[in-house]
Amino acid sequence: MIENYKNIKKLILLSICCLLFMFVELMGSILCNSLTILLDASNFLVNGIAFLINAISLYVYEKKQMEHSQHFGSILSMFMIYMDYDHHIYIRIHSSN
């Protein structure tokens, strides 16, 4: 029980770090006018949100004892990461024209 709360705190801290790096890369992409850095910033955003989703699913599992909440959180975060990569491919294809 206490171990899950420690893991939740670690996931929240990791999410904050990802969002800080995303903000720095967003400013860098604006200053350099770089699509590559902007796409990397969006990747940090998706990773930060995925970590938050996993923290929420751990919290729900701890409070409600719902075993499927962890599976749902993992599937949702994987789906978000795959959609982000698909979005990167789409932008790369259409930016070369």
C-alpha atoms as a PDB file:
ATOM      1  CA  MET A   1       0.000   0.000   0.000  1.00  0.00           C
ATOM      2  CA  ILE A   2       2.708   2.485   0.967  1.00  0.00           C
ATOM      3  CA  GLU A   3       4.825   1.265  -1.961  1.00  0.00           C
ATOM      4  CA  ASN A   4       2.088   2.270  -4.408  1.00  0.00           C
ATOM      5  CA  TYR A   5       1.935   5.780  -2.931  1.00  0.00           C
ATOM      6  CA  LYS A   6       5.704   6.087  -3.370  1.00  0.00           C
ATOM      7  CA  ASN A   7       5.328   4.986  -6.973  1.00  0.00           C
ATOM      8  CA  ILE A   8       2.518   7.486  -7.510  1.00  0.00           C
ATOM      9  CA  LYS A   9       4.736  10.299  -6.192  1.00  0.00           C
ATOM     10  CA  LYS A  10       7.563   9.177  -8.480  1.00  0.00           C
ATOM     11  CA  LEU A  11       5.245   9.128 -11.492  1.00  0.00           C
ATOM     12  CA  ILE A  12       3.939  12.613 -10.697  1.00  0.00           C
ATOM     13  CA  LEU A  13       7.496  13.929 -10.308  1.00  0.00           C
ATOM     14  CA  LEU A  14       8.451  12.306 -13.605  1.00  0.00           C
ATOM     15  CA  SER A  15       5.424  13.916 -15.278  1.00  0.00           C
ATOM     16  CA  ILE A  16       6.436  17.336 -13.979  1.00  0.00           C
ATOM     17  CA  CYS A  17       9.978  16.827 -15.290  1.00  0.00           C
ATOM     18  CA  CYS A  18       8.642  15.808 -18.710  1.00  0.00           C
ATOM     19  CA  LEU A  19       6.405  18.863 -18.858  1.00  0.00           C
ATOM     20  CA  LEU A  20       9.309  21.136 -17.870  1.00  0.00           C
ATOM     21  CA  PHE A  21      11.492  19.675 -20.624  1.00  0.00           C
ATOM     22  CA  MET A  22       8.567  20.038 -23.017  1.00  0.00           C
ATOM     23  CA  PHE A  23       8.253  23.726 -22.173  1.00  0.00           C
ATOM     24  CA  VAL A  24      11.998  24.297 -22.720  1.00  0.00           C
ATOM     25  CA  GLU A  25      11.911  22.460 -26.051  1.00  0.00           C
ATOM     26  CA  LEU A  26       8.800  24.372 -27.099  1.00  0.00           C
ATOM     27  CA  MET A  27      10.600  27.663 -26.488  1.00  0.00           C
ATOM     28  CA  GLY A  28      13.655  26.332 -28.346  1.00  0.00           C
ATOM     29  CA  SER A  29      11.582  25.286 -31.332  1.00  0.00           C
ATOM     30  CA  ILE A  30       9.978  28.732 -31.494  1.00  0.00           C
ATOM     31  CA  LEU A  31      13.361  30.465 -31.305  1.00  0.00           C
ATOM     32  CA  CYS A  32      14.999  28.159 -33.878  1.00  0.00           C
ATOM     33  CA  ASN A  33      11.888  27.722 -36.043  1.00  0.00           C
ATOM     34  CA  SER A  34      12.504  23.963 -35.967  1.00  0.00           C
ATOM     35  CA  LEU A  35       9.839  21.356 -36.641  1.00  0.00           C
ATOM     36  CA  THR A  36      12.052  18.573 -35.260  1.00  0.00           C
ATOM     37  CA  ILE A  37      12.376  20.192 -31.851  1.00  0.00           C
ATOM     38  CA  LEU A  38       8.635  20.907 -31.832  1.00  0.00           C
ATOM     39  CA  LEU A  39       7.856  17.239 -32.514  1.00  0.00           C
ATOM     40  CA  ASP A  40      10.218  16.233 -29.722  1.00  0.00           C
ATOM     41  CA  ALA A  41       8.376  18.615 -27.405  1.00  0.00           C
ATOM     42  CA  SER A  42       5.077  16.961 -28.333  1.00  0.00           C
ATOM     43  CA  ASN A  43       6.660  13.604 -27.526  1.00  0.00           C
ATOM     44  CA  PHE A  44       7.533  14.897 -24.035  1.00  0.00           C
ATOM     45  CA  LEU A  45       3.946  16.099 -23.640  1.00  0.00           C
ATOM     46  CA  VAL A  46       2.548  12.678 -24.508  1.00  0.00           C
ATOM     47  CA  ASN A  47       5.006  10.931 -22.191  1.00  0.00           C
ATOM     48  CA  GLY A  48       4.136  13.286 -19.333  1.00  0.00           C
ATOM     49  CA  ILE A  49       0.421  12.673 -19.819  1.00  0.00           C
ATOM     50  CA  ALA A  50       1.026   8.920 -20.026  1.00  0.00           C
ATOM     51  CA  PHE A  51       2.878   9.009 -16.706  1.00  0.00           C
ATOM     52  CA  LEU A  52      -0.011  10.951 -15.156  1.00  0.00           C
ATOM     53  CA  ILE A  53      -2.518   8.410 -16.488  1.00  0.00           C
ATOM     54  CA  ASN A  54      -0.495   5.609 -14.920  1.00  0.00           C
ATOM     55  CA  ALA A  55      -0.329   7.510 -11.611  1.00  0.00           C
ATOM     56  CA  ILE A  56      -4.115   7.959 -11.673  1.00  0.00           C
ATOM     57  CA  SER A  57      -4.652   4.283 -12.454  1.00  0.00           C
ATOM     58  CA  LEU A  58      -2.401   3.307  -9.526  1.00  0.00           C
ATOM     59  CA  TYR A  59      -4.364   5.670  -7.274  1.00  0.00           C
ATOM     60  CA  VAL A  60      -7.695   4.204  -8.405  1.00  0.00           C
ATOM     61  CA  TYR A  61      -6.330   0.697  -7.888  1.00  0.00           C
ATOM     62  CA  GLU A  62      -5.226   1.612  -4.373  1.00  0.00           C
ATOM     63  CA  LYS A  63      -8.502   3.276  -3.366  1.00  0.00           C
ATOM     64  CA  LYS A  64     -11.073   1.084  -5.102  1.00  0.00           C
ATOM     65  CA  GLN A  65      -9.098  -2.153  -5.417  1.00  0.00           C
ATOM     66  CA  MET A  66     -10.028  -2.301  -9.098  1.00  0.00           C
ATOM     67  CA  GLU A  67      -7.527  -4.604 -10.773  1.00  0.00           C
ATOM     68  CA  HIS A  68      -8.496  -3.519 -14.271  1.00  0.00           C
ATOM     69  CA  SER A  69      -7.584   0.129 -13.650  1.00  0.00           C
ATOM     70  CA  GLN A  70      -3.883  -0.631 -14.093  1.00  0.00           C
ATOM     71  CA  HIS A  71      -4.549  -2.443 -17.370  1.00  0.00           C
ATOM     72  CA  PHE A  72      -6.733   0.390 -18.601  1.00  0.00           C
ATOM     73  CA  GLY A  73      -4.060   2.964 -17.736  1.00  0.00           C
ATOM     74  CA  SER A  74      -1.367   1.002 -19.548  1.00  0.00           C
ATOM     75  CA  ILE A  75      -3.484   0.494 -22.655  1.00  0.00           C
ATOM     76  CA  LEU A  76      -4.516   4.151 -22.751  1.00  0.00           C
ATOM     77  CA  SER A  77      -0.939   5.411 -22.387  1.00  0.00           C
ATOM     78  CA  MET A  78       0.312   3.011 -25.098  1.00  0.00           C
ATOM     79  CA  PHE A  79      -2.489   4.169 -27.398  1.00  0.00           C
ATOM     80  CA  MET A  80      -1.497   7.799 -26.836  1.00  0.00           C
ATOM     81  CA  ILE A  81       2.154   7.071 -27.620  1.00  0.00           C
ATOM     82  CA  TYR A  82       1.256   5.231 -30.860  1.00  0.00           C
ATOM     83  CA  MET A  83      -1.054   8.069 -31.905  1.00  0.00           C
ATOM     84  CA  ASP A  84       1.761  10.541 -31.258  1.00  0.00           C
ATOM     85  CA  TYR A  85       4.119   8.574 -33.505  1.00  0.00           C
ATOM     86  CA  ASP A  86       1.459   8.381 -36.207  1.00  0.00           C
ATOM     87  CA  HIS A  87       1.038  12.136 -35.922  1.00  0.00           C
ATOM     88  CA  HIS A  88       4.821  12.593 -36.291  1.00  0.00           C
ATOM     89  CA  ILE A  89       4.844  10.489 -39.460  1.00  0.00           C
ATOM     90  CA  TYR A  90       1.898  12.423 -40.892  1.00  0.00           C
ATOM     91  CA  ILE A  91       3.580  15.778 -40.208  1.00  0.00           C
ATOM     92  CA  ARG A  92       6.874  14.590 -41.699  1.00  0.00           C
ATOM     93  CA  ILE A  93       5.191  13.391 -44.890  1.00  0.00           C
ATOM     94  CA  HIS A  94       3.209  16.576 -45.388  1.00  0.00           C
ATOM     95  CA  SER A  95       6.005  18.970 -44.400  1.00  0.00           C
ATOM     96  CA  SER A  96       8.273  17.638 -47.177  1.00  0.00           C
ATOM     97  CA  ASN A  97       5.822  18.778 -49.890  1.00  0.00           C
END
